[in-house]
C-alpha atoms as a PDB file:
ATOM      1  CA  MET A   1     -11.832  -7.496  -1.567  1.00  0.00           C
ATOM      2  CA  ASP A   2     -10.235  -7.785  -5.059  1.00  0.00           C
ATOM      3  CA  MET A   3      -6.565  -8.513  -4.379  1.00  0.00           C
ATOM      4  CA  VAL A   4      -4.475  -6.881  -7.175  1.00  0.00           C
ATOM      5  CA  LEU A   5      -1.040  -6.344  -5.667  1.00  0.00           C
ATOM      6  CA  ASN A   6       1.084  -7.984  -2.982  1.00  0.00           C
ATOM      7  CA  ILE A   7       3.737  -5.756  -1.319  1.00  0.00           C
ATOM      8  CA  CYS A   8       6.533  -7.915   0.051  1.00  0.00           C
ATOM      9  CA  ILE A   9       8.489  -6.399   2.934  1.00  0.00           C
ATOM     10  CA  SER A  10      12.084  -7.345   3.840  1.00  0.00           C
ATOM     11  CA  ASP A  11      10.995  -8.613   7.291  1.00  0.00           C
ATOM     12  CA  GLY A  12       9.114 -11.454   5.533  1.00  0.00           C
ATOM     13  CA  SER A  13       5.694 -10.012   5.866  1.00  0.00           C
ATOM     14  CA  ASP A  14       3.473  -8.783   3.040  1.00  0.00           C
ATOM     15  CA  ILE A  15       0.505  -6.523   2.528  1.00  0.00           C
ATOM     16  CA  VAL A  16      -2.281  -7.398   0.093  1.00  0.00           C
ATOM     17  CA  VAL A  17      -3.645  -4.394  -1.808  1.00  0.00           C
ATOM     18  CA  ASP A  18      -7.284  -4.224  -2.961  1.00  0.00           C
ATOM     19  CA  GLY A  19      -8.009  -2.464  -6.332  1.00  0.00           C
ATOM     20  CA  PHE A  20      -9.574   0.554  -4.683  1.00  0.00           C
ATOM     21  CA  ASP A  21      -6.790   1.018  -2.083  1.00  0.00           C
ATOM     22  CA  LYS A  22      -4.567   4.043  -2.541  1.00  0.00           C
ATOM     23  CA  ILE A  23      -0.690   3.608  -2.882  1.00  0.00           C
ATOM     24  CA  ALA A  24       1.216   6.875  -2.674  1.00  0.00           C
ATOM     25  CA  PHE A  25       4.874   7.815  -2.886  1.00  0.00           C
ATOM     26  CA  TYR A  26       6.689  10.655  -0.949  1.00  0.00           C
ATOM     27  CA  ASN A  27      10.170  12.093  -0.598  1.00  0.00           C
ATOM     28  CA  ILE A  28       9.070  14.318   2.280  1.00  0.00           C
ATOM     29  CA  ILE A  29       6.062  13.341   4.461  1.00  0.00           C
ATOM     30  CA  PRO A  30       3.298  14.618   4.181  1.00  0.00           C
ATOM     31  CA  ASN A  31       3.888  15.954   0.600  1.00  0.00           C
ATOM     32  CA  ILE A  32       2.450  13.315  -1.705  1.00  0.00           C
ATOM     33  CA  GLU A  33       4.473  13.084  -4.980  1.00  0.00           C
ATOM     34  CA  VAL A  34       2.250  10.546  -6.833  1.00  0.00           C
ATOM     35  CA  THR A  35      -0.851   8.504  -5.776  1.00  0.00           C
ATOM     36  CA  ARG A  36      -3.084   5.936  -7.636  1.00  0.00           C
ATOM     37  CA  SER A  37      -5.410   3.159  -6.920  1.00  0.00           C
ATOM     38  CA  GLY A  38      -4.313  -0.445  -6.810  1.00  0.00           C
ATOM     39  CA  TYR A  39      -6.152  -1.067 -10.040  1.00  0.00           C
ATOM     40  CA  SER A  40      -4.445   1.819 -11.780  1.00  0.00           C
ATOM     41  CA  TRP A  41      -0.996   0.798 -10.629  1.00  0.00           C
ATOM     42  CA  ARG A  42      -1.501  -2.807 -11.664  1.00  0.00           C
ATOM     43  CA  LYS A  43      -3.148  -2.223 -14.938  1.00  0.00           C
ATOM     44  CA  ASP A  44      -1.413   0.948 -16.392  1.00  0.00           C
ATOM     45  CA  TYR A  45       1.597   1.835 -14.263  1.00  0.00           C
ATOM     46  CA  TYR A  46       3.093  -1.434 -12.921  1.00  0.00           C
ATOM     47  CA  GLU A  47       6.682  -0.714 -14.284  1.00  0.00           C
ATOM     48  CA  GLU A  48       6.519   2.843 -12.839  1.00  0.00           C
ATOM     49  CA  LEU A  49       5.258   1.396  -9.400  1.00  0.00           C
ATOM     50  CA  LEU A  50       8.379  -0.777  -9.282  1.00  0.00           C
ATOM     51  CA  SER A  51      10.651   2.045 -10.369  1.00  0.00           C
ATOM     52  CA  ASN A  52       9.221   4.339  -7.758  1.00  0.00           C
ATOM     53  CA  LEU A  53      10.680   2.053  -5.062  1.00  0.00           C
ATOM     54  CA  ALA A  54      14.100   3.396  -6.149  1.00  0.00           C
ATOM     55  CA  LYS A  55      12.959   6.983  -6.834  1.00  0.00           C
ATOM     56  CA  TYR A  56      11.107   7.832  -3.646  1.00  0.00           C
ATOM     57  CA  LYS A  57      11.925   7.464   0.074  1.00  0.00           C
ATOM     58  CA  PHE A  58       8.446   6.509   1.331  1.00  0.00           C
ATOM     59  CA  ILE A  59       5.367   4.485   0.214  1.00  0.00           C
ATOM     60  CA  SER A  60       1.980   4.548   1.824  1.00  0.00           C
ATOM     61  CA  ILE A  61      -0.910   2.139   1.569  1.00  0.00           C
ATOM     62  CA  GLU A  62      -4.334   3.287   2.541  1.00  0.00           C
ATOM     63  CA  ARG A  63      -7.410   1.158   2.579  1.00  0.00           C
ATOM     64  CA  HIS A  64     -10.516   2.246   0.662  1.00  0.00           C
ATOM     65  CA  ASP A  65     -12.754   0.228   2.898  1.00  0.00           C
ATOM     66  CA  SER A  66     -11.817  -0.034   6.611  1.00  0.00           C
ATOM     67  CA  ASN A  67     -13.853  -3.278   6.826  1.00  0.00           C
ATOM     68  CA  HIS A  68     -10.948  -5.087   5.069  1.00  0.00           C
ATOM     69  CA  GLY A  69      -8.524  -4.132   7.783  1.00  0.00           C
ATOM     70  CA  LEU A  70      -4.838  -3.232   7.493  1.00  0.00           C
ATOM     71  CA  GLU A  71      -2.405  -4.453  10.063  1.00  0.00           C
ATOM     72  CA  TYR A  72       1.346  -4.342  10.232  1.00  0.00           C
ATOM     73  CA  ARG A  73       3.514  -5.599  13.118  1.00  0.00           C
ATOM     74  CA  LYS A  74       0.507  -6.028  15.371  1.00  0.00           C
ATOM     75  CA  HIS A  75      -0.718  -2.394  14.796  1.00  0.00           C
ATOM     76  CA  SER A  76      -4.008  -1.782  13.089  1.00  0.00           C
ATOM     77  CA  PHE A  77      -4.129   1.064  10.536  1.00  0.00           C
ATOM     78  CA  ALA A  78      -7.604   0.242   9.132  1.00  0.00           C
ATOM     79  CA  PHE A  79     -10.310  -1.449  11.221  1.00  0.00           C
ATOM     80  CA  LYS A  80     -13.984  -1.407  11.875  1.00  0.00           C
ATOM     81  CA  ASN A  81     -15.953  -3.037  14.604  1.00  0.00           C
ATOM     82  CA  SER A  82     -19.225  -2.346  16.370  1.00  0.00           C
ATOM     83  CA  HIS A  83     -17.817   0.548  18.555  1.00  0.00           C
ATOM     84  CA  PHE A  84     -14.905   2.068  16.601  1.00  0.00           C
ATOM     85  CA  GLU A  85     -13.673   2.682  13.055  1.00  0.00           C
ATOM     86  CA  GLY A  86     -10.268   3.862  11.927  1.00  0.00           C
ATOM     87  CA  ASN A  87      -8.448   4.222   8.603  1.00  0.00           C
ATOM     88  CA  LYS A  88      -5.002   5.721   8.541  1.00  0.00           C
ATOM     89  CA  PRO A  89      -2.247   5.109   5.916  1.00  0.00           C
ATOM     90  CA  LEU A  90       0.609   2.661   6.648  1.00  0.00           C
ATOM     91  CA  ILE A  91       3.802   4.520   5.721  1.00  0.00           C
ATOM     92  CA  LEU A  92       7.013   2.599   5.123  1.00  0.00           C
ATOM     93  CA  GLN A  93      10.472   3.354   3.803  1.00  0.00           C
ATOM     94  CA  THR A  94      10.714   2.195   0.229  1.00  0.00           C
ATOM     95  CA  CYS A  95      14.124   0.622   1.075  1.00  0.00           C
ATOM     96  CA  CYS A  96      12.312  -2.033   3.122  1.00  0.00           C
ATOM     97  CA  ILE A  97      10.134  -3.229   0.177  1.00  0.00           C
ATOM     98  CA  THR A  98      11.693  -6.225  -1.631  1.00  0.00           C
ATOM     99  CA  THR A  99       9.167  -6.323  -4.494  1.00  0.00           C
ATOM    100  CA  ILE A 100       5.522  -5.691  -5.439  1.00  0.00           C
ATOM    101  CA  ILE A 101       3.767  -8.696  -7.116  1.00  0.00           C
ATOM    102  CA  ASP A 102       0.994  -8.331  -9.721  1.00  0.00           C
ATOM    103  CA  MET A 103      -1.621 -10.813  -8.417  1.00  0.00           C
ATOM    104  CA  TYR A 104      -3.211 -11.211 -11.795  1.00  0.00           C
ATOM    105  CA  ASN A 105      -0.068 -12.352 -13.612  1.00  0.00           C
END
């Protein structure tokens, strides 16, 4: 896993984003307004990524590889074990995101 972004949530938790993970923004779910990979957001659109927190109502994070797991508040959104595999996006209101950190800078 190549950690490129760290999404900081107002409850004190955070979500580490891999370069191949998808981050999308919505005003109405399930209508995606804009989506890019972690690499793309970090390298080419970081300022837009931060601005989108004020522009859109919802943000989603979806793992590219369910082996890396994605858990929030004791609920698994991406997981893989010997019996089951799941990969669903975690959708949060953008108002609960305090910042998104570029892990390379």
